[in-house]
C-alpha atoms as a PDB file:
ATOM      1  CA  MET A   1      15.455  26.329  -8.085  1.00  0.00           C
ATOM      2  CA  SER A   2      16.518  24.083  -5.082  1.00  0.00           C
ATOM      3  CA  LYS A   3      19.353  22.031  -6.329  1.00  0.00           C
ATOM      4  CA  SER A   4      17.874  18.862  -4.087  1.00  0.00           C
ATOM      5  CA  ASN A   5      15.273  19.157  -6.625  1.00  0.00           C
ATOM      6  CA  ASN A   6      14.451  15.705  -8.367  1.00  0.00           C
ATOM      7  CA  VAL A   7      13.366  17.614 -11.391  1.00  0.00           C
ATOM      8  CA  TYR A   8      16.361  19.205 -11.648  1.00  0.00           C
ATOM      9  CA  LYS A   9      18.728  16.239 -10.636  1.00  0.00           C
ATOM     10  CA  ASP A  10      17.249  13.999 -13.660  1.00  0.00           C
ATOM     11  CA  ALA A  11      17.235  16.642 -16.027  1.00  0.00           C
ATOM     12  CA  TYR A  12      21.257  17.700 -14.808  1.00  0.00           C
ATOM     13  CA  ASN A  13      21.960  14.189 -15.289  1.00  0.00           C
ATOM     14  CA  ARG A  14      20.669  13.675 -18.837  1.00  0.00           C
ATOM     15  CA  CYS A  15      21.988  17.249 -19.853  1.00  0.00           C
ATOM     16  CA  LEU A  16      25.316  15.940 -19.055  1.00  0.00           C
ATOM     17  CA  ARG A  17      24.822  12.730 -21.396  1.00  0.00           C
ATOM     18  CA  LEU A  18      24.376  15.239 -24.053  1.00  0.00           C
ATOM     19  CA  LEU A  19      27.714  16.854 -23.500  1.00  0.00           C
ATOM     20  CA  ASP A  20      29.205  13.136 -24.946  1.00  0.00           C
ATOM     21  CA  GLU A  21      27.448  13.714 -28.438  1.00  0.00           C
ATOM     22  CA  THR A  22      27.982  17.646 -28.851  1.00  0.00           C
ATOM     23  CA  ARG A  23      30.653  20.325 -28.445  1.00  0.00           C
ATOM     24  CA  SER A  24      28.274  23.381 -28.253  1.00  0.00           C
ATOM     25  CA  LEU A  25      24.456  23.110 -26.531  1.00  0.00           C
ATOM     26  CA  PRO A  26      21.204  24.240 -28.299  1.00  0.00           C
ATOM     27  CA  SER A  27      19.511  27.027 -27.389  1.00  0.00           C
ATOM     28  CA  GLU A  28      17.827  27.361 -23.792  1.00  0.00           C
ATOM     29  CA  PRO A  29      14.077  26.748 -25.416  1.00  0.00           C
ATOM     30  CA  GLU A  30      15.508  23.914 -27.434  1.00  0.00           C
ATOM     31  CA  LEU A  31      17.056  22.224 -24.494  1.00  0.00           C
ATOM     32  CA  GLY A  32      13.931  22.776 -22.398  1.00  0.00           C
ATOM     33  CA  THR A  33      11.970  20.971 -24.933  1.00  0.00           C
ATOM     34  CA  LEU A  34      14.711  18.231 -25.163  1.00  0.00           C
ATOM     35  CA  LEU A  35      14.800  17.812 -21.696  1.00  0.00           C
ATOM     36  CA  GLY A  36      10.905  17.986 -20.788  1.00  0.00           C
ATOM     37  CA  VAL A  37      11.883  21.125 -18.129  1.00  0.00           C
ATOM     38  CA  SER A  38      10.788  24.521 -17.756  1.00  0.00           C
ATOM     39  CA  ARG A  39      13.643  27.579 -18.904  1.00  0.00           C
ATOM     40  CA  THR A  40      14.086  28.094 -15.601  1.00  0.00           C
ATOM     41  CA  THR A  41      15.313  24.584 -14.623  1.00  0.00           C
ATOM     42  CA  VAL A  42      17.720  25.046 -18.101  1.00  0.00           C
ATOM     43  CA  ARG A  43      19.273  27.978 -16.580  1.00  0.00           C
ATOM     44  CA  SER A  44      19.976  26.330 -13.304  1.00  0.00           C
ATOM     45  CA  ILE A  45      21.296  23.327 -14.987  1.00  0.00           C
ATOM     46  CA  LEU A  46      23.552  25.766 -17.723  1.00  0.00           C
ATOM     47  CA  ALA A  47      24.696  27.449 -14.487  1.00  0.00           C
ATOM     48  CA  ARG A  48      25.775  24.437 -12.509  1.00  0.00           C
ATOM     49  CA  MET A  49      27.729  23.576 -15.610  1.00  0.00           C
ATOM     50  CA  GLU A  50      29.439  26.859 -16.062  1.00  0.00           C
ATOM     51  CA  GLU A  51      30.294  26.520 -12.071  1.00  0.00           C
ATOM     52  CA  THR A  52      32.019  23.319 -12.636  1.00  0.00           C
ATOM     53  CA  GLY A  53      33.995  24.329 -15.652  1.00  0.00           C
ATOM     54  CA  LEU A  54      32.135  21.804 -18.036  1.00  0.00           C
ATOM     55  CA  ILE A  55      30.924  24.322 -20.311  1.00  0.00           C
ATOM     56  CA  ALA A  56      31.400  28.153 -21.201  1.00  0.00           C
ATOM     57  CA  TRP A  57      28.168  30.380 -21.197  1.00  0.00           C
ATOM     58  CA  ASN A  58      28.218  33.579 -22.773  1.00  0.00           C
ATOM     59  CA  LYS A  59      24.482  34.400 -23.800  1.00  0.00           C
ATOM     60  CA  ARG A  60      23.665  32.134 -26.608  1.00  0.00           C
ATOM     61  CA  ALA A  61      26.993  30.408 -27.129  1.00  0.00           C
ATOM     62  CA  LYS A  62      27.642  27.336 -24.895  1.00  0.00           C
ATOM     63  CA  THR A  63      30.560  25.700 -25.686  1.00  0.00           C
ATOM     64  CA  VAL A  64      31.792  22.427 -23.773  1.00  0.00           C
ATOM     65  CA  LEU A  65      34.973  22.445 -22.317  1.00  0.00           C
ATOM     66  CA  ARG A  66      35.598  18.903 -21.245  1.00  0.00           C
ATOM     67  CA  ASP A  67      33.766  15.920 -20.965  1.00  0.00           C
ATOM     68  CA  PRO A  68      31.579  15.098 -17.701  1.00  0.00           C
ATOM     69  CA  ARG A  69      33.216  12.738 -15.002  1.00  0.00           C
ATOM     70  CA  PRO A  70      31.395  10.313 -12.731  1.00  0.00           C
ATOM     71  CA  ASP A  71      31.354  12.619  -9.927  1.00  0.00           C
ATOM     72  CA  ASP A  72      29.665  15.180 -12.229  1.00  0.00           C
ATOM     73  CA  PHE A  73      26.361  13.164 -11.910  1.00  0.00           C
ATOM     74  CA  PHE A  74      24.289  12.978  -9.214  1.00  0.00           C
ATOM     75  CA  PRO A  75      23.506   9.770  -7.583  1.00  0.00           C
ATOM     76  CA  GLU A  76      20.987   7.833  -9.496  1.00  0.00           C
ATOM     77  CA  GLU A  77      18.892   7.135  -6.427  1.00  0.00           C
ATOM     78  CA  GLU A  78      18.568  10.756  -5.845  1.00  0.00           C
ATOM     79  CA  THR A  79      16.815  10.958  -9.258  1.00  0.00           C
ATOM     80  CA  ASP A  80      13.206   9.764 -10.737  1.00  0.00           C
ATOM     81  CA  THR A  81      11.977   9.575 -14.401  1.00  0.00           C
ATOM     82  CA  LEU A  82      10.234  12.692 -15.274  1.00  0.00           C
ATOM     83  CA  ALA A  83       6.925  10.727 -15.524  1.00  0.00           C
ATOM     84  CA  GLU A  84       7.417   9.599 -11.864  1.00  0.00           C
ATOM     85  CA  ILE A  85       8.496  13.053 -10.949  1.00  0.00           C
ATOM     86  CA  ILE A  86       5.257  14.163 -12.318  1.00  0.00           C
ATOM     87  CA  GLU A  87       2.832  11.320 -11.113  1.00  0.00           C
ATOM     88  CA  ARG A  88       4.240  11.802  -7.370  1.00  0.00           C
ATOM     89  CA  SER A  89       3.637  15.691  -7.433  1.00  0.00           C
ATOM     90  CA  PHE A  90       0.322  15.503  -9.055  1.00  0.00           C
ATOM     91  CA  MET A  91      -0.720  13.150  -6.287  1.00  0.00           C
ATOM     92  CA  ARG A  92       0.780  15.127  -3.372  1.00  0.00           C
ATOM     93  CA  ARG A  93      -1.422  17.925  -4.771  1.00  0.00           C
ATOM     94  CA  LEU A  94      -4.597  15.992  -4.244  1.00  0.00           C
ATOM     95  CA  LEU A  95      -3.328  14.363  -1.074  1.00  0.00           C
ATOM     96  CA  ALA A  96      -3.055  17.926   0.219  1.00  0.00           C
ATOM     97  CA  GLY A  97      -6.612  18.403   0.845  1.00  0.00           C
ATOM     98  CA  GLY A  98      -9.205  20.200  -1.059  1.00  0.00           C
ATOM     99  CA  ALA A  99      -9.569  18.235  -4.235  1.00  0.00           C
ATOM    100  CA  GLU A 100     -12.949  17.484  -4.808  1.00  0.00           C
ATOM    101  CA  ALA A 101     -15.002  16.341  -7.722  1.00  0.00           C
ATOM    102  CA  GLY A 102     -15.413  19.303 -10.201  1.00  0.00           C
ATOM    103  CA  MET A 103     -11.713  20.853  -9.346  1.00  0.00           C
ATOM    104  CA  GLN A 104      -9.969  22.684 -12.021  1.00  0.00           C
ATOM    105  CA  ILE A 105      -6.569  21.679 -13.344  1.00  0.00           C
ATOM    106  CA  ASN A 106      -4.655  24.090 -15.194  1.00  0.00           C
ATOM    107  CA  GLU A 107      -1.677  22.573 -17.611  1.00  0.00           C
ATOM    108  CA  LEU A 108       0.392  25.469 -17.290  1.00  0.00           C
ATOM    109  CA  GLU A 109       0.064  26.060 -13.398  1.00  0.00           C
ATOM    110  CA  LEU A 110       0.814  22.486 -12.540  1.00  0.00           C
ATOM    111  CA  ALA A 111       3.847  22.288 -14.815  1.00  0.00           C
ATOM    112  CA  ARG A 112       5.382  25.852 -13.018  1.00  0.00           C
ATOM    113  CA  GLU A 113       4.512  24.210  -9.729  1.00  0.00           C
ATOM    114  CA  ILE A 114       6.567  20.895 -10.393  1.00  0.00           C
ATOM    115  CA  GLY A 115       9.119  22.735 -12.568  1.00  0.00           C
ATOM    116  CA  VAL A 116       8.531  20.786 -15.843  1.00  0.00           C
ATOM    117  CA  GLY A 117       7.603  21.289 -19.237  1.00  0.00           C
ATOM    118  CA  THR A 118       3.548  21.570 -20.241  1.00  0.00           C
ATOM    119  CA  THR A 119       3.962  19.067 -22.823  1.00  0.00           C
ATOM    120  CA  SER A 120       5.257  16.585 -20.108  1.00  0.00           C
ATOM    121  CA  VAL A 121       2.396  17.356 -17.824  1.00  0.00           C
ATOM    122  CA  ARG A 122      -0.205  17.302 -20.667  1.00  0.00           C
ATOM    123  CA  GLU A 123       0.685  13.766 -21.733  1.00  0.00           C
ATOM    124  CA  PHE A 124       0.568  12.845 -18.143  1.00  0.00           C
ATOM    125  CA  LEU A 125      -2.696  14.066 -18.152  1.00  0.00           C
ATOM    126  CA  ILE A 126      -3.910  12.161 -21.261  1.00  0.00           C
ATOM    127  CA  ARG A 127      -2.718   8.979 -20.046  1.00  0.00           C
ATOM    128  CA  PHE A 128      -5.024   9.468 -16.788  1.00  0.00           C
ATOM    129  CA  SER A 129      -8.191  10.614 -18.667  1.00  0.00           C
ATOM    130  CA  ARG A 130      -8.417   7.758 -20.466  1.00  0.00           C
ATOM    131  CA  PHE A 131      -9.716   6.107 -16.978  1.00  0.00           C
ATOM    132  CA  GLY A 132     -12.535   8.728 -16.667  1.00  0.00           C
ATOM    133  CA  LEU A 133     -10.841  10.063 -13.681  1.00  0.00           C
ATOM    134  CA  ILE A 134     -10.167  13.504 -15.411  1.00  0.00           C
ATOM    135  CA  GLU A 135     -11.966  15.239 -18.346  1.00  0.00           C
ATOM    136  CA  LYS A 136     -10.364  17.706 -20.861  1.00  0.00           C
ATOM    137  CA  ARG A 137     -11.731  21.125 -21.256  1.00  0.00           C
ATOM    138  CA  ARG A 138     -11.041  24.033 -23.224  1.00  0.00           C
ATOM    139  CA  ASN A 139      -7.507  26.400 -22.984  1.00  0.00           C
ATOM    140  CA  SER A 140      -5.301  23.369 -21.144  1.00  0.00           C
ATOM    141  CA  HIS A 141      -7.889  23.210 -18.430  1.00  0.00           C
ATOM    142  CA  TRP A 142      -9.082  19.737 -16.878  1.00  0.00           C
ATOM    143  CA  VAL A 143     -11.764  18.755 -14.556  1.00  0.00           C
ATOM    144  CA  LEU A 144     -11.487  16.334 -11.962  1.00  0.00           C
ATOM    145  CA  LYS A 145     -14.496  13.774 -11.897  1.00  0.00           C
ATOM    146  CA  GLY A 146     -15.564  11.450  -9.232  1.00  0.00           C
ATOM    147  CA  PHE A 147     -16.716   7.891 -10.186  1.00  0.00           C
ATOM    148  CA  THR A 148     -19.463   5.522  -9.120  1.00  0.00           C
ATOM    149  CA  ARG A 149     -19.303   2.741  -6.596  1.00  0.00           C
ATOM    150  CA  ALA A 150     -20.005   0.279  -9.192  1.00  0.00           C
ATOM    151  CA  PHE A 151     -16.631   1.741 -10.683  1.00  0.00           C
ATOM    152  CA  ALA A 152     -14.735   1.422  -7.563  1.00  0.00           C
ATOM    153  CA  LEU A 153     -15.629  -2.194  -7.125  1.00  0.00           C
ATOM    154  CA  GLU A 154     -14.455  -2.764 -10.517  1.00  0.00           C
ATOM    155  CA  LEU A 155     -11.133  -1.252  -9.823  1.00  0.00           C
ATOM    156  CA  THR A 156     -10.676  -3.268  -6.481  1.00  0.00           C
ATOM    157  CA  GLU A 157     -11.142  -6.525  -8.483  1.00  0.00           C
ATOM    158  CA  ILE A 158      -8.574  -5.444 -10.922  1.00  0.00           C
ATOM    159  CA  ARG A 159      -6.118  -4.233  -8.240  1.00  0.00           C
ATOM    160  CA  GLU A 160      -6.637  -7.629  -6.318  1.00  0.00           C
ATOM    161  CA  MET A 161      -5.748  -9.628  -9.359  1.00  0.00           C
ATOM    162  CA  PHE A 162      -2.696  -7.726 -10.299  1.00  0.00           C
ATOM    163  CA  GLU A 163      -1.516  -7.362  -6.716  1.00  0.00           C
ATOM    164  CA  LEU A 164      -1.684 -11.108  -6.093  1.00  0.00           C
ATOM    165  CA  ARG A 165       0.610 -11.767  -9.220  1.00  0.00           C
ATOM    166  CA  SER A 166       3.147  -9.182  -8.373  1.00  0.00           C
ATOM    167  CA  ALA A 167       3.374 -10.400  -4.812  1.00  0.00           C
ATOM    168  CA  ALA A 168       3.963 -13.716  -5.870  1.00  0.00           C
ATOM    169  CA  ALA A 169       6.811 -12.834  -8.627  1.00  0.00           C
ATOM    170  CA  PHE A 170       8.326 -10.589  -5.740  1.00  0.00           C
ATOM    171  CA  ALA A 171       8.561 -13.567  -3.473  1.00  0.00           C
ATOM    172  CA  ALA A 172      10.240 -15.474  -6.375  1.00  0.00           C
ATOM    173  CA  LEU A 173      12.952 -12.982  -6.968  1.00  0.00           C
ATOM    174  CA  PRO A 174      16.532 -13.975  -6.286  1.00  0.00           C
ATOM    175  CA  GLN A 175      18.182 -13.024  -2.949  1.00  0.00           C
ATOM    176  CA  GLU A 176      20.684 -10.843  -4.771  1.00  0.00           C
ATOM    177  CA  SER A 177      17.746  -8.433  -6.469  1.00  0.00           C
ATOM    178  CA  PRO A 178      18.174  -4.968  -5.233  1.00  0.00           C
ATOM    179  CA  VAL A 179      14.696  -5.173  -4.220  1.00  0.00           C
ATOM    180  CA  TRP A 180      15.143  -6.879  -1.015  1.00  0.00           C
ATOM    181  CA  ALA A 181      17.213  -4.052   0.136  1.00  0.00           C
ATOM    182  CA  ASP A 182      14.555  -1.523  -1.048  1.00  0.00           C
ATOM    183  CA  LEU A 183      12.037  -3.893   1.020  1.00  0.00           C
ATOM    184  CA  ASP A 184      14.501  -3.099   4.467  1.00  0.00           C
ATOM    185  CA  ARG A 185      14.314   0.433   3.808  1.00  0.00           C
ATOM    186  CA  LEU A 186      10.646   0.510   3.770  1.00  0.00           C
ATOM    187  CA  GLU A 187      10.490  -1.886   6.660  1.00  0.00           C
ATOM    188  CA  ASP A 188      12.055   0.532   8.425  1.00  0.00           C
ATOM    189  CA  GLU A 189      10.123   3.313   7.746  1.00  0.00           C
ATOM    190  CA  HIS A 190       6.931   1.398   8.649  1.00  0.00           C
ATOM    191  CA  ARG A 191       8.331   0.510  11.959  1.00  0.00           C
ATOM    192  CA  LEU A 192       9.223   4.195  12.394  1.00  0.00           C
ATOM    193  CA  LEU A 193       5.585   5.124  11.366  1.00  0.00           C
ATOM    194  CA  ALA A 194       4.451   2.859  13.798  1.00  0.00           C
ATOM    195  CA  ARG A 195       6.079   4.323  16.720  1.00  0.00           C
ATOM    196  CA  GLU A 196       5.178   7.927  15.553  1.00  0.00           C
ATOM    197  CA  ILE A 197       1.616   7.098  14.545  1.00  0.00           C
ATOM    198  CA  ALA A 198      -0.038   9.604  16.983  1.00  0.00           C
ATOM    199  CA  THR A 199       1.543  12.599  15.442  1.00  0.00           C
ATOM    200  CA  ARG A 200       2.556  11.271  11.738  1.00  0.00           C
ATOM    201  CA  PHE A 201      -0.274   8.995  11.058  1.00  0.00           C
ATOM    202  CA  ASN A 202      -0.881  11.285   7.844  1.00  0.00           C
ATOM    203  CA  ALA A 203       2.564  10.414   6.673  1.00  0.00           C
ATOM    204  CA  PHE A 204       1.203   6.808   5.904  1.00  0.00           C
ATOM    205  CA  SER A 205      -0.221   7.796   2.293  1.00  0.00           C
ATOM    206  CA  GLU A 206       2.716   8.307   0.300  1.00  0.00           C
ATOM    207  CA  LEU A 207       4.723   5.355   2.385  1.00  0.00           C
ATOM    208  CA  ASP A 208       1.879   3.038   1.271  1.00  0.00           C
ATOM    209  CA  GLU A 209       1.816   4.289  -2.465  1.00  0.00           C
ATOM    210  CA  ARG A 210       5.842   3.610  -2.457  1.00  0.00           C
ATOM    211  CA  PHE A 211       5.255  -0.111  -0.914  1.00  0.00           C
ATOM    212  CA  HIS A 212       2.631  -1.158  -3.143  1.00  0.00           C
ATOM    213  CA  ARG A 213       4.415   0.204  -6.255  1.00  0.00           C
ATOM    214  CA  LEU A 214       7.411  -1.680  -5.162  1.00  0.00           C
ATOM    215  CA  ILE A 215       5.663  -5.036  -4.932  1.00  0.00           C
ATOM    216  CA  HIS A 216       3.860  -3.841  -8.714  1.00  0.00           C
ATOM    217  CA  ARG A 217       7.367  -3.677 -10.392  1.00  0.00           C
ATOM    218  CA  ALA A 218       8.289  -7.036  -9.713  1.00  0.00           C
ATOM    219  CA  SER A 219       5.761  -8.317 -11.904  1.00  0.00           C
ATOM    220  CA  HIS A 220       8.052  -6.815 -14.856  1.00  0.00           C
ATOM    221  CA  ASN A 221       4.875  -6.422 -16.679  1.00  0.00           C
ATOM    222  CA  ARG A 222       4.430  -2.876 -17.954  1.00  0.00           C
ATOM    223  CA  PHE A 223       0.693  -2.979 -18.009  1.00  0.00           C
ATOM    224  CA  ILE A 224       0.658  -3.745 -14.441  1.00  0.00           C
ATOM    225  CA  VAL A 225       2.688  -0.960 -13.441  1.00  0.00           C
ATOM    226  CA  ASP A 226       1.230   1.412 -15.362  1.00  0.00           C
ATOM    227  CA  PHE A 227      -2.191   0.767 -14.094  1.00  0.00           C
ATOM    228  CA  TYR A 228      -0.996   0.718 -10.781  1.00  0.00           C
ATOM    229  CA  ASP A 229      -0.377   4.538 -10.828  1.00  0.00           C
ATOM    230  CA  VAL A 230      -4.093   4.983 -11.589  1.00  0.00           C
ATOM    231  CA  ILE A 231      -4.954   2.479  -8.636  1.00  0.00           C
ATOM    232  CA  ALA A 232      -3.029   4.446  -6.355  1.00  0.00           C
ATOM    233  CA  MET A 233      -4.216   7.885  -7.388  1.00  0.00           C
ATOM    234  CA  ILE A 234      -7.842   6.841  -7.181  1.00  0.00           C
ATOM    235  CA  PHE A 235      -7.343   5.112  -3.806  1.00  0.00           C
ATOM    236  CA  HIS A 236      -5.455   7.895  -1.963  1.00  0.00           C
ATOM    237  CA  TYR A 237      -7.584  10.572  -3.504  1.00  0.00           C
ATOM    238  CA  HIS A 238     -11.303   9.299  -2.250  1.00  0.00           C
ATOM    239  CA  TYR A 239      -9.443   8.389   1.511  1.00  0.00           C
ATOM    240  CA  GLN A 240      -9.749  12.398   1.811  1.00  0.00           C
ATOM    241  CA  TRP A 241     -13.360  12.163   1.519  1.00  0.00           C
ATOM    242  CA  ASN A 242     -13.852  10.558   5.141  1.00  0.00           C
ATOM    243  CA  LYS A 243     -11.335  11.796   7.234  1.00  0.00           C
ATOM    244  CA  ALA A 244     -13.280   9.706  10.319  1.00  0.00           C
ATOM    245  CA  GLN A 245     -10.776   7.562  12.333  1.00  0.00           C
ATOM    246  CA  GLU A 246      -8.183   8.112   9.979  1.00  0.00           C
ATOM    247  CA  ARG A 247      -5.218   7.530  12.603  1.00  0.00           C
ATOM    248  CA  GLU A 248      -6.898   3.891  13.430  1.00  0.00           C
ATOM    249  CA  ARG A 249      -7.282   3.186  10.085  1.00  0.00           C
ATOM    250  CA  ASN A 250      -3.635   4.033   8.966  1.00  0.00           C
ATOM    251  CA  GLU A 251      -2.259   2.346  12.262  1.00  0.00           C
ATOM    252  CA  VAL A 252      -4.132  -0.958  11.196  1.00  0.00           C
ATOM    253  CA  ALA A 253      -2.719  -0.593   7.251  1.00  0.00           C
ATOM    254  CA  VAL A 254       0.816  -0.349   8.968  1.00  0.00           C
ATOM    255  CA  GLY A 255       0.401  -3.209  11.060  1.00  0.00           C
ATOM    256  CA  GLU A 256      -0.836  -5.222   7.874  1.00  0.00           C
ATOM    257  CA  HIS A 257       1.963  -3.788   5.982  1.00  0.00           C
ATOM    258  CA  LEU A 258       4.463  -5.007   7.989  1.00  0.00           C
ATOM    259  CA  ALA A 259       2.805  -8.668   8.125  1.00  0.00           C
ATOM    260  CA  TYR A 260       2.720  -8.338   4.460  1.00  0.00           C
ATOM    261  CA  ILE A 261       6.732  -7.871   4.241  1.00  0.00           C
ATOM    262  CA  GLU A 262       7.260 -10.527   6.582  1.00  0.00           C
ATOM    263  CA  ALA A 263       5.530 -12.963   4.583  1.00  0.00           C
ATOM    264  CA  LEU A 264       7.470 -11.716   1.315  1.00  0.00           C
ATOM    265  CA  LYS A 265      10.517 -12.574   3.035  1.00  0.00           C
ATOM    266  CA  SER A 266       9.500 -15.950   4.045  1.00  0.00           C
ATOM    267  CA  ARG A 267       9.117 -16.459   0.371  1.00  0.00           C
ATOM    268  CA  ASP A 268       6.152 -18.713   1.599  1.00  0.00           C
ATOM    269  CA  LEU A 269       3.594 -18.250  -1.254  1.00  0.00           C
ATOM    270  CA  GLY A 270       0.878 -19.413   1.171  1.00  0.00           C
ATOM    271  CA  LYS A 271       1.836 -16.757   3.527  1.00  0.00           C
ATOM    272  CA  VAL A 272       2.431 -14.048   1.040  1.00  0.00           C
ATOM    273  CA  ASP A 273      -1.025 -14.819  -0.548  1.00  0.00           C
ATOM    274  CA  ALA A 274      -2.974 -14.615   2.864  1.00  0.00           C
ATOM    275  CA  ALA A 275      -1.061 -11.445   3.910  1.00  0.00           C
ATOM    276  CA  CYS A 276      -1.839  -9.657   0.476  1.00  0.00           C
ATOM    277  CA  ARG A 277      -5.582 -10.950   0.346  1.00  0.00           C
ATOM    278  CA  LYS A 278      -6.092  -9.412   4.447  1.00  0.00           C
ATOM    279  CA  HIS A 279      -4.661  -5.974   3.126  1.00  0.00           C
ATOM    280  CA  LEU A 280      -6.319  -5.682   0.071  1.00  0.00           C
ATOM    281  CA  LYS A 281      -9.781  -6.594   1.677  1.00  0.00           C
ATOM    282  CA  SER A 282      -9.271  -3.786   4.116  1.00  0.00           C
ATOM    283  CA  ALA A 283      -8.404  -1.212   1.247  1.00  0.00           C
ATOM    284  CA  ARG A 284     -11.449  -2.179  -0.567  1.00  0.00           C
ATOM    285  CA  HIS A 285     -13.700  -1.859   2.552  1.00  0.00           C
ATOM    286  CA  THR A 286     -11.853   1.805   3.321  1.00  0.00           C
ATOM    287  CA  LEU A 287     -12.270   2.857  -0.205  1.00  0.00           C
ATOM    288  CA  LEU A 288     -16.379   1.843  -0.353  1.00  0.00           C
ATOM    289  CA  THR A 289     -17.035   3.406   2.928  1.00  0.00           C
ATOM    290  CA  SER A 290     -15.197   6.712   1.835  1.00  0.00           C
ATOM    291  CA  ILE A 291     -17.743   6.854  -0.718  1.00  0.00           C
ATOM    292  CA  PRO A 292     -21.063   8.259   1.068  1.00  0.00           C
ATOM    293  CA  GLU A 293     -24.206   6.660  -0.700  1.00  0.00           C
ATOM    294  CA  SER A 294     -25.808   9.849  -0.952  1.00  0.00           C
ATOM    295  CA  ARG A 295     -22.737  12.211  -2.415  1.00  0.00           C
ATOM    296  CA  PRO A 296     -23.316  12.929  -6.324  1.00  0.00           C
ATOM    297  CA  LEU A 297     -20.299  10.964  -7.710  1.00  0.00           C
ATOM    298  CA  GLN A 298     -20.358  11.738 -11.289  1.00  0.00           C
ATOM    299  CA  LYS A 299     -19.797  14.705 -12.360  1.00  0.00           C
ATOM    300  CA  SER A 300     -19.450  15.866 -16.450  1.00  0.00           C
END
């Protein structure tokens, strides 16, 4: 397993914290359950701990030799929570193409692909199933479903309501808040993509997801943040259905994002509201035009 993998880094940091609580680590299966990762990931963690002199690993015996130091931990900015890792990996799978209504999803295959435990993947899929996007079948299988235009309209209305509130909350954050540095980095990424849009226009989807997620987190409302996961996946998933003018569409969206960022930095609520509404109106139009009237949208 690559040591640059976020699943590995997040689990490794959490396992380091266990060393403060015990002088002997549990079995590999127990560690996998505790950390929510696969046995392959657990073995990679133990191997690194042995290499750095943290533990003595002799088959089942894993004896702690020293307490972890600050430099033993991976930097926090290089790790995501397990839920974020699964959500992002699942979205990338959909955005890779070929995902259509009726597509089969296997919990075990998805867990292996991401490098996490099947329990964590199952919890993720169950959470999304509440919105009717996926449906449980037998033997750990799920099926990806379509949705009606009426559902899409309801979704955009909720998105607009939530994001307008989150954008206003973002603009009101104090200057010392770390989100402003995050916004600066995203602005730089947007400007770079704007310059390279001819060859990298398909890189917009993930940048768009990260930008809007940052805005929604400013709401400090767990229901808004949680619902955005569903919003993001549905919007980007359905953009696949219509590849026509994808470059032009993404180029316009990048420009709208930059105007949105400028408005947020101005802290002028009128400008923030206008920029937010303009971008969300475009997103609504893109979503609805990506669902052909004649397409059979709902599958059971």
